[in-house]
Protein backbone atom coordinates (compact mmCIF):
# COMPACT_ATOMS: atom_id res chain seq x y z
CA MET A 1 -20.94 -109.93 -176.08
CA ASP A 2 -20.99 -107.67 -179.28
CA GLU A 3 -19.68 -104.35 -180.08
CA GLU A 4 -22.51 -103.15 -179.08
CA ASN A 5 -22.41 -103.59 -174.98
CA LYS A 6 -19.36 -102.02 -174.50
CA LEU A 7 -21.56 -100.75 -171.59
CA GLY A 8 -22.37 -104.89 -170.31
CA LYS A 9 -18.40 -106.12 -171.02
CA LYS A 10 -17.31 -103.37 -168.95
CA ILE A 11 -19.49 -104.18 -166.31
CA ALA A 12 -18.36 -107.84 -166.40
CA THR A 13 -14.88 -107.05 -166.48
CA LEU A 14 -14.65 -104.78 -163.20
CA ARG A 15 -17.01 -107.21 -161.36
CA GLU A 16 -14.78 -110.28 -162.33
CA ALA A 17 -11.56 -107.73 -161.34
CA HIS A 18 -13.07 -107.56 -158.18
CA HIS A 19 -13.56 -111.39 -157.99
CA LEU A 20 -17.33 -110.77 -157.31
CA SER A 21 -20.16 -113.19 -158.60
CA GLN A 22 -23.15 -111.36 -160.34
CA GLN A 23 -25.20 -112.22 -157.66
CA ASP A 24 -22.54 -110.60 -155.05
CA LEU A 25 -22.24 -107.47 -157.13
CA ALA A 26 -26.52 -107.23 -157.35
CA ASP A 27 -25.97 -108.08 -153.37
CA ARG A 28 -23.39 -104.93 -153.23
CA CYS A 29 -25.66 -102.54 -155.25
CA GLY A 30 -29.15 -103.74 -153.36
CA SER A 31 -30.48 -104.79 -156.72
CA ASP A 32 -32.10 -108.24 -157.81
CA VAL A 33 -29.15 -110.61 -159.75
CA SER A 34 -31.53 -110.11 -163.42
CA VAL A 35 -30.22 -106.37 -163.36
CA VAL A 36 -26.70 -107.08 -163.35
CA GLU A 37 -27.35 -110.35 -166.03
CA GLY A 38 -29.40 -107.87 -167.81
CA LEU A 39 -26.88 -105.03 -168.21
CA GLU A 40 -24.00 -107.13 -168.73
CA ALA A 41 -25.58 -109.23 -171.50
CA GLY A 42 -26.95 -105.99 -173.26
CA ASP A 43 -30.69 -107.05 -172.51
CA VAL A 44 -32.09 -104.86 -170.10
CA PRO A 45 -31.64 -101.13 -171.21
CA ALA A 46 -28.99 -99.03 -168.75
CA SER A 47 -30.91 -95.94 -166.59
CA LEU A 48 -28.84 -93.81 -164.20
CA ALA A 49 -29.68 -94.99 -161.04
CA PRO A 50 -28.70 -98.73 -161.29
CA LEU A 51 -25.61 -98.09 -162.81
CA ILE A 52 -24.52 -95.17 -160.06
CA LYS A 53 -25.13 -98.47 -157.39
CA ILE A 54 -23.09 -100.62 -159.60
CA THR A 55 -20.51 -97.63 -159.83
CA ARG A 56 -20.30 -96.96 -155.91
CA ALA A 57 -20.00 -101.12 -155.70
CA LEU A 58 -17.51 -101.44 -157.70
CA GLY A 59 -15.35 -98.25 -156.41
CA VAL A 60 -15.10 -96.42 -160.23
CA ARG A 61 -16.77 -93.20 -161.38
CA LEU A 62 -19.82 -93.10 -163.53
CA GLY A 63 -17.78 -91.74 -166.11
CA THR A 64 -15.61 -95.24 -166.34
CA LEU A 65 -18.62 -97.29 -167.61
CA MET A 66 -19.89 -94.31 -170.26
CA ASP A 67 -16.17 -93.73 -171.29
CA ASP A 68 -14.68 -95.34 -174.89
CA ASP A 69 -11.40 -94.56 -174.06
CA GLU A 70 -8.59 -94.28 -171.85
CA ASN A 71 -6.19 -91.75 -172.81
CA LEU A 72 -4.57 -89.44 -170.74
CA GLY A 73 -4.48 -85.48 -171.13
CA PRO A 74 -7.09 -83.07 -171.46
CA ALA A 75 -10.42 -84.56 -173.43
CA TYR A 76 -11.03 -82.13 -176.39
CA ILE A 77 -14.40 -81.87 -177.77
CA ASP A 78 -14.13 -80.48 -181.06
CA ARG A 79 -16.99 -79.02 -183.45
CA GLU A 80 -17.70 -82.16 -185.48
CA GLN A 81 -17.77 -84.29 -182.63
CA MET A 82 -20.32 -82.33 -180.82
CA ALA A 83 -22.50 -82.18 -184.14
CA GLU A 84 -22.65 -86.25 -183.78
CA VAL A 85 -24.26 -85.44 -180.29
CA GLU A 86 -27.82 -87.19 -181.96
CA ARG A 87 -25.46 -90.44 -182.73
CA VAL A 88 -24.84 -91.18 -179.32
CA LYS A 89 -26.27 -94.77 -177.41
CA SER A 90 -29.39 -93.82 -175.14
CA LEU A 91 -29.84 -94.59 -171.36
CA GLU A 92 -33.46 -95.33 -170.54
CA THR A 93 -34.93 -93.25 -167.68
CA THR A 94 -37.60 -94.50 -165.87
CA SER A 95 -40.72 -92.89 -167.39
CA GLY A 96 -39.35 -89.25 -168.27
CA GLY A 97 -38.79 -89.83 -171.77
CA ASP A 98 -35.28 -91.20 -173.58
CA LEU A 99 -32.04 -89.68 -172.53
CA SER A 100 -29.33 -89.32 -174.66
CA TYR A 101 -25.93 -89.07 -173.48
CA PHE A 102 -23.01 -87.25 -175.07
CA SER A 103 -19.74 -87.39 -172.88
CA LEU A 104 -17.79 -84.28 -172.91
CA ALA A 105 -15.07 -85.71 -170.71
CA ALA A 106 -14.72 -89.39 -172.76
CA GLY A 107 -10.84 -89.93 -172.22
CA ARG A 108 -10.52 -88.57 -169.37
CA PRO A 109 -10.06 -91.03 -166.68
CA SER A 110 -8.78 -89.66 -163.49
CA ARG A 111 -11.93 -86.88 -163.39
CA HIS A 112 -14.39 -86.08 -160.80
CA MET A 113 -16.87 -84.91 -162.66
CA ASP A 114 -18.70 -86.24 -165.69
CA PRO A 115 -20.01 -83.35 -168.28
CA PHE A 116 -22.31 -85.08 -170.94
CA VAL A 117 -24.88 -83.40 -173.60
CA ILE A 118 -28.00 -84.76 -172.94
CA THR A 119 -31.18 -84.87 -175.41
CA VAL A 120 -34.00 -85.93 -174.47
CA ASP A 121 -36.56 -87.53 -176.38
CA PRO A 122 -40.28 -87.41 -174.57
CA THR A 123 -42.25 -90.28 -174.38
CA GLY A 124 -45.86 -89.45 -173.47
CA GLU A 125 -45.99 -91.57 -170.22
CA THR A 126 -47.73 -89.53 -167.35
CA ASP A 127 -46.42 -92.09 -164.42
CA HIS A 128 -43.05 -90.48 -163.00
CA GLU A 129 -41.04 -92.81 -160.39
CA LEU A 130 -38.37 -90.79 -159.23
CA VAL A 131 -35.30 -91.83 -158.09
CA GLY A 132 -32.21 -91.21 -156.20
CA HIS A 133 -28.79 -91.41 -155.85
CA GLU A 134 -25.36 -89.99 -154.10
CA GLY A 135 -23.71 -87.12 -155.66
CA GLU A 136 -24.46 -83.69 -157.18
CA GLU A 137 -26.36 -82.82 -160.93
CA TRP A 138 -25.71 -79.15 -162.71
CA LEU A 139 -27.95 -78.83 -165.84
CA TYR A 140 -28.08 -76.17 -168.04
CA GLY A 141 -31.06 -75.50 -170.66
CA MET A 142 -29.49 -75.64 -174.41
CA GLU A 143 -32.73 -75.95 -176.27
CA GLY A 144 -36.28 -76.26 -175.47
CA CYS A 145 -37.75 -77.16 -172.08
CA ILE A 146 -37.00 -79.72 -169.23
CA GLU A 147 -38.80 -80.61 -166.17
CA ILE A 148 -37.07 -81.34 -162.77
CA GLU A 149 -39.22 -83.27 -160.44
CA TYR A 150 -37.31 -83.04 -157.79
CA GLY A 151 -39.07 -84.16 -153.96
CA LYS A 152 -42.29 -82.17 -154.27
CA ASP A 153 -41.37 -79.67 -156.41
CA VAL A 154 -41.18 -79.26 -160.42
CA TYR A 155 -38.92 -76.48 -162.06
CA VAL A 156 -39.03 -75.98 -165.73
CA LEU A 157 -35.92 -75.27 -167.30
CA HIS A 158 -36.00 -73.00 -170.43
CA PRO A 159 -32.69 -72.79 -172.34
CA GLY A 160 -29.93 -70.59 -171.01
CA GLU A 161 -31.58 -71.36 -167.57
CA SER A 162 -29.54 -73.61 -164.70
CA ILE A 163 -30.04 -75.60 -161.76
CA TYR A 164 -28.03 -77.86 -158.95
CA TYR A 165 -29.42 -80.10 -156.82
CA ASP A 166 -28.18 -82.51 -154.66
CA SER A 167 -28.74 -85.97 -156.17
CA ILE A 168 -29.97 -88.06 -153.11
CA VAL A 169 -33.10 -86.34 -153.15
CA PRO A 170 -35.57 -88.39 -155.21
CA HIS A 171 -35.58 -86.75 -158.74
CA GLN A 172 -36.50 -87.14 -161.98
CA VAL A 173 -35.65 -85.08 -165.37
CA ARG A 174 -38.09 -85.50 -168.16
CA ALA A 175 -39.42 -83.65 -171.26
CA HIS A 176 -41.41 -80.73 -170.77
CA ASP A 177 -44.87 -80.46 -172.85
CA GLY A 178 -44.01 -83.38 -174.95
CA GLN A 179 -40.87 -81.60 -176.63
CA LYS A 180 -37.77 -82.63 -177.67
CA ALA A 181 -34.88 -80.76 -175.29
CA LYS A 182 -31.32 -80.86 -175.41
CA PHE A 183 -29.13 -79.75 -171.98
CA LEU A 184 -26.00 -79.53 -170.73
CA ALA A 185 -25.25 -81.90 -167.51
CA VAL A 186 -22.35 -82.22 -165.10
CA VAL A 187 -22.86 -85.21 -162.55
CA TYR A 188 -20.79 -86.15 -159.70
CA THR A 189 -20.99 -89.23 -158.19
CA PRO A 190 -17.99 -89.86 -155.14
CA ILE A 191 -16.86 -92.85 -155.33
């Protein structure tokens, strides 16, 4: 695995620490083994729903896979680091556009929340697949507008507005009216 596939390497390391084969992990997640193989190899773009299932099966937080660092103490993000938000790796959504995640708590290993600044680049797709996972999410609009399809309802989040929801209800976050947007998200996923 190359340096660019840190996520895949972390999944493999955690899986092996639990003495699980790729098939064992896939069975625990209720997914196809090709998903685990692809994520570990870096061949499959990571999306939030499978990663949450994997972290639950491995008994770790989502941030454990997303963090670059395991230092103790507070996680302080200065203005220079915030300016680099656009340069982080992306997690592909299920058709709502590409989302770039910048963790605001990287390096804080024992946390119960995962705060991110997320940038949404629209893809123009109109087919929307909703996915649910355990936990809760809070979103706060910073720039542009995003849509949150939550069950049978659609909410448009403008800058300065927020939404808090149980993420077990099938949902999708995507660009609104083909515009790029940025928002703050705090995700809680129970272990």
